[in-house]
C-alpha atoms as a PDB file:
ATOM      1  CA  UNK A   1      -3.928 101.792 -25.440  1.00  0.00           C
ATOM      2  CA  UNK A   2      -7.456 102.131 -26.730  1.00  0.00           C
ATOM      3  CA  UNK A   3     -10.418 100.976 -24.647  1.00  0.00           C
ATOM      4  CA  UNK A   4     -13.167  99.712 -26.923  1.00  0.00           C
ATOM      5  CA  UNK A   5     -16.694 101.053 -26.514  1.00  0.00           C
ATOM      6  CA  UNK A   6     -17.889  97.754 -25.128  1.00  0.00           C
ATOM      7  CA  UNK A   7     -15.297  97.479 -22.324  1.00  0.00           C
ATOM      8  CA  UNK A   8     -15.234  99.274 -18.979  1.00  0.00           C
ATOM      9  CA  UNK A   9     -12.272 100.326 -16.844  1.00  0.00           C
ATOM     10  CA  UNK A  10     -13.207 100.557 -13.169  1.00  0.00           C
ATOM     11  CA  UNK A  11     -10.892 101.485 -10.290  1.00  0.00           C
ATOM     12  CA  UNK A  12     -11.771 100.979  -6.629  1.00  0.00           C
ATOM     13  CA  UNK A  13      -9.843 102.739  -3.895  1.00  0.00           C
ATOM     14  CA  UNK A  14     -10.524 104.051  -0.422  1.00  0.00           C
ATOM     15  CA  UNK A  15      -9.995 103.464   3.253  1.00  0.00           C
ATOM     16  CA  UNK A  16     -12.780 100.997   3.991  1.00  0.00           C
ATOM     17  CA  UNK A  17     -11.718  97.358   4.255  1.00  0.00           C
ATOM     18  CA  UNK A  18     -13.019  95.424   1.251  1.00  0.00           C
ATOM     19  CA  UNK A  19     -11.946  91.879   2.041  1.00  0.00           C
ATOM     20  CA  UNK A  20     -15.348  90.348   2.706  1.00  0.00           C
ATOM     21  CA  UNK A  21     -16.852  87.852   0.274  1.00  0.00           C
ATOM     22  CA  UNK A  22     -19.676  90.206  -0.613  1.00  0.00           C
ATOM     23  CA  UNK A  23     -17.410  93.212  -1.258  1.00  0.00           C
ATOM     24  CA  UNK A  24     -18.044  94.847  -4.650  1.00  0.00           C
ATOM     25  CA  UNK A  25     -14.600  93.936  -5.997  1.00  0.00           C
ATOM     26  CA  UNK A  26     -15.374  90.240  -5.636  1.00  0.00           C
ATOM     27  CA  UNK A  27     -18.880  90.641  -7.065  1.00  0.00           C
ATOM     28  CA  UNK A  28     -17.573  92.602 -10.069  1.00  0.00           C
ATOM     29  CA  UNK A  29     -15.104  89.817 -10.875  1.00  0.00           C
ATOM     30  CA  UNK A  30     -17.986  87.329 -10.697  1.00  0.00           C
ATOM     31  CA  UNK A  31     -19.964  89.668 -12.989  1.00  0.00           C
ATOM     32  CA  UNK A  32     -17.343  89.590 -15.793  1.00  0.00           C
ATOM     33  CA  UNK A  33     -14.505  91.915 -14.802  1.00  0.00           C
ATOM     34  CA  UNK A  34     -10.853  90.820 -14.856  1.00  0.00           C
ATOM     35  CA  UNK A  35      -8.207  92.264 -12.560  1.00  0.00           C
ATOM     36  CA  UNK A  36      -4.878  93.001 -14.269  1.00  0.00           C
ATOM     37  CA  UNK A  37      -1.627  91.548 -12.983  1.00  0.00           C
ATOM     38  CA  UNK A  38       0.494  94.009 -11.027  1.00  0.00           C
ATOM     39  CA  UNK A  39       4.279  94.168 -11.013  1.00  0.00           C
ATOM     40  CA  UNK A  40       6.419  94.604  -7.913  1.00  0.00           C
ATOM     41  CA  UNK A  41      10.126  94.934  -7.295  1.00  0.00           C
ATOM     42  CA  UNK A  42       9.758  93.416  -3.823  1.00  0.00           C
ATOM     43  CA  UNK A  43       6.483  92.957  -1.926  1.00  0.00           C
ATOM     44  CA  UNK A  44       2.714  92.863  -2.439  1.00  0.00           C
ATOM     45  CA  UNK A  45       0.307  95.374  -0.881  1.00  0.00           C
ATOM     46  CA  UNK A  46      -2.997  94.231  -2.390  1.00  0.00           C
ATOM     47  CA  UNK A  47      -4.558  90.835  -3.047  1.00  0.00           C
ATOM     48  CA  UNK A  48      -4.031  91.172  -6.815  1.00  0.00           C
ATOM     49  CA  UNK A  49      -1.920  88.794  -8.871  1.00  0.00           C
ATOM     50  CA  UNK A  50       1.693  89.985  -8.888  1.00  0.00           C
ATOM     51  CA  UNK A  51       4.794  89.272 -10.899  1.00  0.00           C
ATOM     52  CA  UNK A  52       8.217  90.197  -9.646  1.00  0.00           C
ATOM     53  CA  UNK A  53      10.480  92.345 -11.824  1.00  0.00           C
ATOM     54  CA  UNK A  54      13.999  93.567 -11.015  1.00  0.00           C
ATOM     55  CA  UNK A  55      14.260  97.226 -10.077  1.00  0.00           C
ATOM     56  CA  UNK A  56      16.381  97.905 -13.174  1.00  0.00           C
ATOM     57  CA  UNK A  57      13.571  96.476 -15.344  1.00  0.00           C
ATOM     58  CA  UNK A  58      11.115  98.839 -13.634  1.00  0.00           C
ATOM     59  CA  UNK A  59      13.241 101.885 -14.434  1.00  0.00           C
ATOM     60  CA  UNK A  60      13.711 100.743 -18.035  1.00  0.00           C
ATOM     61  CA  UNK A  61       9.961 100.111 -18.451  1.00  0.00           C
ATOM     62  CA  UNK A  62       9.166 103.533 -16.996  1.00  0.00           C
ATOM     63  CA  UNK A  63      11.662 105.173 -19.340  1.00  0.00           C
ATOM     64  CA  UNK A  64      10.084 103.362 -22.313  1.00  0.00           C
ATOM     65  CA  UNK A  65       6.539 104.425 -21.360  1.00  0.00           C
ATOM     66  CA  UNK A  66       5.386 100.870 -20.602  1.00  0.00           C
ATOM     67  CA  UNK A  67       4.034 101.673 -17.143  1.00  0.00           C
ATOM     68  CA  UNK A  68       0.414 102.759 -16.787  1.00  0.00           C
ATOM     69  CA  UNK A  69       0.621 103.577 -13.074  1.00  0.00           C
ATOM     70  CA  UNK A  70       3.186 103.012 -10.345  1.00  0.00           C
ATOM     71  CA  UNK A  71       4.107 104.033  -6.841  1.00  0.00           C
ATOM     72  CA  UNK A  72       7.001 103.814  -4.427  1.00  0.00           C
ATOM     73  CA  UNK A  73       5.976 101.933  -1.295  1.00  0.00           C
ATOM     74  CA  UNK A  74       8.793 101.967   1.271  1.00  0.00           C
ATOM     75  CA  UNK A  75      11.439 101.633  -1.438  1.00  0.00           C
ATOM     76  CA  UNK A  76       9.499  99.006  -3.396  1.00  0.00           C
ATOM     77  CA  UNK A  77       8.077  99.933  -6.792  1.00  0.00           C
ATOM     78  CA  UNK A  78       4.751  98.469  -7.800  1.00  0.00           C
ATOM     79  CA  UNK A  79       2.030  99.151 -10.290  1.00  0.00           C
ATOM     80  CA  UNK A  80       0.446  98.088 -13.561  1.00  0.00           C
ATOM     81  CA  UNK A  81       1.938  97.930 -17.052  1.00  0.00           C
ATOM     82  CA  UNK A  82      -0.065  99.084 -20.080  1.00  0.00           C
ATOM     83  CA  UNK A  83       0.267  95.561 -21.513  1.00  0.00           C
ATOM     84  CA  UNK A  84      -1.202  93.926 -18.398  1.00  0.00           C
ATOM     85  CA  UNK A  85      -4.226  96.221 -18.451  1.00  0.00           C
ATOM     86  CA  UNK A  86      -4.690  95.530 -22.170  1.00  0.00           C
ATOM     87  CA  UNK A  87      -4.556  91.778 -21.505  1.00  0.00           C
ATOM     88  CA  UNK A  88      -7.170  92.101 -18.733  1.00  0.00           C
ATOM     89  CA  UNK A  89      -9.447  94.140 -21.000  1.00  0.00           C
ATOM     90  CA  UNK A  90      -9.051  91.674 -23.873  1.00  0.00           C
ATOM     91  CA  UNK A  91      -9.828  88.648 -21.708  1.00  0.00           C
ATOM     92  CA  UNK A  92     -12.737  90.238 -19.805  1.00  0.00           C
ATOM     93  CA  UNK A  93     -16.368  89.924 -20.705  1.00  0.00           C
ATOM     94  CA  UNK A  94     -17.209  93.394 -19.367  1.00  0.00           C
ATOM     95  CA  UNK A  95     -13.979  95.164 -18.453  1.00  0.00           C
ATOM     96  CA  UNK A  96     -10.966  95.528 -16.197  1.00  0.00           C
ATOM     97  CA  UNK A  97     -11.093  96.175 -12.471  1.00  0.00           C
ATOM     98  CA  UNK A  98      -8.167  97.792 -10.643  1.00  0.00           C
ATOM     99  CA  UNK A  99      -8.309  97.700  -6.854  1.00  0.00           C
ATOM    100  CA  UNK A 100      -5.557  99.609  -5.133  1.00  0.00           C
ATOM    101  CA  UNK A 101      -4.155 102.752  -3.562  1.00  0.00           C
ATOM    102  CA  UNK A 102      -5.375 106.199  -4.493  1.00  0.00           C
ATOM    103  CA  UNK A 103      -2.032 107.026  -6.130  1.00  0.00           C
ATOM    104  CA  UNK A 104      -2.599 104.260  -8.677  1.00  0.00           C
ATOM    105  CA  UNK A 105      -6.242 105.175  -9.320  1.00  0.00           C
ATOM    106  CA  UNK A 106      -5.345 108.842  -9.847  1.00  0.00           C
ATOM    107  CA  UNK A 107      -2.634 107.992 -12.386  1.00  0.00           C
ATOM    108  CA  UNK A 108      -4.944 105.670 -14.303  1.00  0.00           C
ATOM    109  CA  UNK A 109      -7.671 108.325 -14.410  1.00  0.00           C
ATOM    110  CA  UNK A 110      -5.165 110.884 -15.710  1.00  0.00           C
ATOM    111  CA  UNK A 111      -4.104 108.574 -18.555  1.00  0.00           C
ATOM    112  CA  UNK A 112      -7.422 106.903 -19.375  1.00  0.00           C
ATOM    113  CA  UNK A 113     -10.311 109.342 -19.817  1.00  0.00           C
ATOM    114  CA  UNK A 114     -12.857 106.492 -19.782  1.00  0.00           C
ATOM    115  CA  UNK A 115     -11.723 105.202 -16.380  1.00  0.00           C
ATOM    116  CA  UNK A 116     -14.408 105.300 -13.693  1.00  0.00           C
ATOM    117  CA  UNK A 117     -13.149 105.580 -10.124  1.00  0.00           C
ATOM    118  CA  UNK A 118     -14.982 104.661  -6.945  1.00  0.00           C
ATOM    119  CA  UNK A 119     -13.671 105.621  -3.543  1.00  0.00           C
ATOM    120  CA  UNK A 120     -15.096 103.827  -0.521  1.00  0.00           C
ATOM    121  CA  UNK A 121     -15.088 105.898   2.627  1.00  0.00           C
ATOM    122  CA  UNK A 122     -16.786 106.079   5.964  1.00  0.00           C
ATOM    123  CA  UNK A 123     -19.051 109.129   5.847  1.00  0.00           C
ATOM    124  CA  UNK A 124     -16.764 111.050   8.243  1.00  0.00           C
ATOM    125  CA  UNK A 125     -13.617 110.484   6.143  1.00  0.00           C
ATOM    126  CA  UNK A 126     -12.217 113.034   3.732  1.00  0.00           C
ATOM    127  CA  UNK A 127     -11.326 112.136   0.168  1.00  0.00           C
ATOM    128  CA  UNK A 128      -7.668 112.174  -0.851  1.00  0.00           C
ATOM    129  CA  UNK A 129      -6.466 115.301  -2.656  1.00  0.00           C
ATOM    130  CA  UNK A 130      -4.790 112.937  -5.135  1.00  0.00           C
ATOM    131  CA  UNK A 131      -8.230 112.373  -6.638  1.00  0.00           C
ATOM    132  CA  UNK A 132      -9.028 116.062  -7.252  1.00  0.00           C
ATOM    133  CA  UNK A 133      -8.422 115.900 -11.012  1.00  0.00           C
ATOM    134  CA  UNK A 134     -10.532 112.751 -11.376  1.00  0.00           C
ATOM    135  CA  UNK A 135     -13.363 114.480  -9.521  1.00  0.00           C
ATOM    136  CA  UNK A 136     -13.103 117.597 -11.718  1.00  0.00           C
ATOM    137  CA  UNK A 137     -13.193 115.369 -14.817  1.00  0.00           C
ATOM    138  CA  UNK A 138     -16.337 113.578 -13.617  1.00  0.00           C
ATOM    139  CA  UNK A 139     -14.540 110.242 -13.226  1.00  0.00           C
ATOM    140  CA  UNK A 140     -14.743 109.959  -9.430  1.00  0.00           C
ATOM    141  CA  UNK A 141     -17.709 108.596  -7.504  1.00  0.00           C
ATOM    142  CA  UNK A 142     -17.614 108.523  -3.728  1.00  0.00           C
ATOM    143  CA  UNK A 143     -19.537 105.775  -1.983  1.00  0.00           C
ATOM    144  CA  UNK A 144     -19.963 106.151   1.759  1.00  0.00           C
ATOM    145  CA  UNK A 145     -19.901 102.716   3.361  1.00  0.00           C
ATOM    146  CA  UNK A 146     -21.004 101.999   6.921  1.00  0.00           C
ATOM    147  CA  UNK A 147     -19.506  98.581   7.594  1.00  0.00           C
ATOM    148  CA  UNK A 148     -21.798  98.081  10.587  1.00  0.00           C
ATOM    149  CA  UNK A 149     -24.899  98.443   8.434  1.00  0.00           C
ATOM    150  CA  UNK A 150     -26.298  95.111   7.136  1.00  0.00           C
ATOM    151  CA  UNK A 151     -26.238  95.023   3.343  1.00  0.00           C
ATOM    152  CA  UNK A 152     -23.732  97.891   3.038  1.00  0.00           C
ATOM    153  CA  UNK A 153     -21.663  96.084   0.400  1.00  0.00           C
ATOM    154  CA  UNK A 154     -24.738  95.069  -1.560  1.00  0.00           C
ATOM    155  CA  UNK A 155     -25.827  98.710  -1.677  1.00  0.00           C
ATOM    156  CA  UNK A 156     -22.346  99.825  -2.773  1.00  0.00           C
ATOM    157  CA  UNK A 157     -22.259  97.138  -5.469  1.00  0.00           C
ATOM    158  CA  UNK A 158     -25.602  98.262  -6.895  1.00  0.00           C
ATOM    159  CA  UNK A 159     -24.463 101.893  -6.862  1.00  0.00           C
ATOM    160  CA  UNK A 160     -21.421 100.870  -8.919  1.00  0.00           C
ATOM    161  CA  UNK A 161     -23.546  98.935 -11.408  1.00  0.00           C
ATOM    162  CA  UNK A 162     -25.850 101.927 -11.844  1.00  0.00           C
ATOM    163  CA  UNK A 163     -22.957 104.342 -12.467  1.00  0.00           C
ATOM    164  CA  UNK A 164     -21.259 102.078 -15.013  1.00  0.00           C
ATOM    165  CA  UNK A 165     -24.524 101.326 -16.775  1.00  0.00           C
ATOM    166  CA  UNK A 166     -25.006  97.641 -15.967  1.00  0.00           C
END
């Protein structure tokens, strides 16, 4: 898959709850990003759109190189297909936004050199070792978020916009 010069691929991960209405993931979607559909063989773990696929279809897709990123979550396989990311990029004004576990973000960064990753952490939290390669490649940006601080999400959102050049 080729990401055109005009499109962005942004991944958000971390251990800080991002469900509020002013969380950057919601603001980025309002700004012109599209979140790709995820696949699952059983259950959902994020608020993304999901489609169910049989486990045999997952293994076949993985064997055929159709899976961009996936993980095993308590015996359930979930992730994103190359085709679903391509569809999100094609339909987006600015780019695709993947919000999910660090395992998924790390795999996307390894396969897509233009991916930009943001990890939201409380200042006392350590970053996952899964993101070491993305950090070495200059793809990872840590944003310390103090949820008790008024305007914390607004600050994080503006940091993201600055990094991605918007």
